[in-house]
Protein backbone atom coordinates (compact mmCIF):
# COMPACT_ATOMS: atom_id res chain seq x y z
CA MET A 1 0.02 -0.10 0.07
CA PHE A 2 1.42 3.51 -0.85
CA PHE A 3 0.75 6.58 1.12
CA HIS A 4 1.18 10.18 -0.20
CA ASN A 5 1.80 12.12 3.30
CA ASP A 6 2.67 11.39 6.73
CA SER A 7 -1.03 11.13 7.91
CA GLN A 8 -1.93 8.72 5.44
CA GLY A 9 1.16 6.63 6.41
CA ILE A 10 0.01 6.70 10.11
CA LEU A 11 -3.34 5.86 9.54
CA ALA A 12 -2.53 3.00 7.19
CA ILE A 13 -0.14 1.47 9.80
CA GLU A 14 -2.53 1.91 12.51
CA THR A 15 -5.30 0.13 10.42
CA ARG A 16 -3.05 -2.78 9.41
CA ASP A 17 -1.94 -3.14 13.14
CA ARG A 18 -5.55 -2.92 14.45
CA GLU A 19 -6.76 -5.41 11.89
CA ALA A 20 -3.83 -7.70 12.79
CA THR A 21 -4.72 -7.66 16.37
CA ARG A 22 -8.38 -8.36 15.56
CA ARG A 23 -7.43 -11.27 13.45
CA LYS A 24 -4.72 -12.60 15.75
CA SER A 25 -2.48 -12.88 12.72
CA LYS A 26 0.32 -10.89 11.30
CA ILE A 27 -0.61 -8.81 8.10
CA SER A 28 2.16 -8.79 5.72
CA THR A 29 0.94 -5.89 3.60
CA GLU A 30 3.79 -3.44 3.11
CA ILE A 31 3.06 0.32 3.49
CA LEU A 32 5.41 2.41 1.50
CA PRO A 33 5.65 6.08 0.62
CA PHE A 34 4.39 6.90 -2.97
CA VAL A 35 7.16 7.61 -5.46
CA GLY A 36 5.67 7.62 -8.86
CA PHE A 37 3.01 6.07 -11.07
CA PHE A 38 4.09 3.61 -13.85
CA LEU A 39 1.87 2.49 -16.57
CA ALA A 40 1.50 -1.09 -17.14
CA GLU A 41 2.77 -2.45 -20.55
CA GLY A 42 0.70 -1.56 -23.59
CA TYR A 43 -0.63 -5.08 -23.94
CA HIS A 44 -2.12 -4.80 -20.40
CA GLN A 45 -4.21 -1.72 -21.22
CA LYS A 46 -7.89 -1.54 -21.97
CA TYR A 47 -8.33 -5.17 -20.93
CA TYR A 48 -11.83 -5.84 -22.55
CA LEU A 49 -11.12 -4.24 -25.84
CA PRO A 50 -8.47 -6.69 -26.84
CA GLN A 51 -10.94 -9.56 -26.37
CA ARG A 52 -13.12 -7.87 -29.10
CA PRO A 53 -11.25 -8.23 -32.36
CA ASP A 54 -13.77 -6.53 -34.37
CA LEU A 55 -13.60 -3.33 -32.09
CA MET A 56 -9.84 -3.61 -31.92
CA ARG A 57 -9.51 -3.30 -35.74
CA GLU A 58 -11.08 -0.07 -35.59
CA PHE A 59 -9.23 1.15 -32.62
CA THR A 60 -6.03 0.18 -34.35
CA ALA A 61 -6.90 1.93 -37.32
CA MET A 62 -7.56 5.17 -35.40
CA TYR A 63 -4.60 4.59 -33.06
CA PRO A 64 -1.70 2.67 -34.87
CA LYS A 65 0.69 3.72 -32.22
CA GLU A 66 0.20 1.90 -28.94
CA ALA A 67 0.72 4.81 -26.78
CA ASP A 68 -2.16 6.76 -28.56
CA PHE A 69 -4.34 3.81 -27.98
CA VAL A 70 -3.22 3.71 -24.24
CA ASN A 71 -4.06 7.39 -24.00
CA SER A 72 -7.24 7.42 -25.91
CA THR A 73 -10.50 8.60 -23.69
CA ALA A 74 -12.40 6.96 -26.40
CA ALA A 75 -11.01 3.59 -26.09
CA ALA A 76 -11.20 3.95 -22.19
CA ARG A 77 -14.77 4.76 -22.44
CA VAL A 78 -15.66 1.91 -24.75
CA ASN A 79 -13.67 -0.52 -22.74
CA GLY A 80 -15.47 0.34 -19.70
CA HIS A 81 -18.88 -0.01 -21.41
CA VAL A 82 -17.77 -3.27 -22.84
CA ALA A 83 -16.69 -4.38 -19.34
CA GLY A 84 -20.22 -3.39 -18.05
CA TYR A 85 -19.57 -0.20 -16.42
CA GLY A 86 -22.01 2.68 -17.40
CA THR A 87 -25.42 2.77 -18.61
CA TYR A 88 -26.78 2.27 -22.00
CA ALA A 89 -28.41 5.57 -21.93
CA THR A 90 -25.06 7.36 -21.30
CA LEU A 91 -23.67 5.32 -24.14
CA LEU A 92 -26.20 6.54 -26.45
CA THR A 93 -25.33 10.19 -25.45
CA GLU A 94 -21.67 9.79 -26.09
CA ILE A 95 -21.10 7.01 -28.62
CA SER A 96 -21.01 9.32 -31.68
CA GLY A 97 -17.99 10.94 -30.29
CA PHE A 98 -15.83 7.96 -30.18
CA GLY A 99 -14.71 7.83 -33.93
CA LEU A 100 -16.17 4.42 -34.67
CA SER A 101 -17.68 3.38 -37.89
CA PRO A 102 -21.51 2.79 -38.01
CA GLU A 103 -20.67 -0.98 -37.82
CA GLY A 104 -18.53 -0.23 -34.67
CA ILE A 105 -21.01 1.81 -33.07
CA LYS A 106 -23.89 -0.78 -33.73
CA LYS A 107 -21.59 -3.51 -32.24
CA VAL A 108 -20.93 -1.58 -29.04
CA LEU A 109 -24.54 -0.71 -28.56
CA ASP A 110 -25.57 -4.27 -29.16
CA LEU A 111 -23.02 -5.60 -26.69
CA VAL A 112 -23.79 -3.30 -23.95
CA TYR A 113 -27.54 -3.50 -24.58
CA ARG A 114 -27.42 -7.44 -24.21
CA SER A 115 -25.18 -7.20 -21.16
CA SER A 116 -27.56 -4.79 -19.40
CA ARG A 117 -30.68 -7.10 -19.59
């Protein structure tokens, strides 16, 4: 667990120790100061989209560079919707801004609609 300031660190240690006492066992979670954030490798990004080759073809055409795909808000939003987060109503209001083809839009809408039933 990473903390950003002294008060978070103290609270994390106190919480860990209190829970260890309650459980009567050691908790081995490390508590360390936060030193920076590192993105996972590109193939770990947008977990649900790569499972949909039909949609990935479209995103790969839009974002041929992996870094652009990783940083894409559109890809993040579609990934979230495909994963079951968000609502169908919200998707309807924003999908036209994702840059997908009409077929891609239909595919995403169908996926999200089926999973919301």
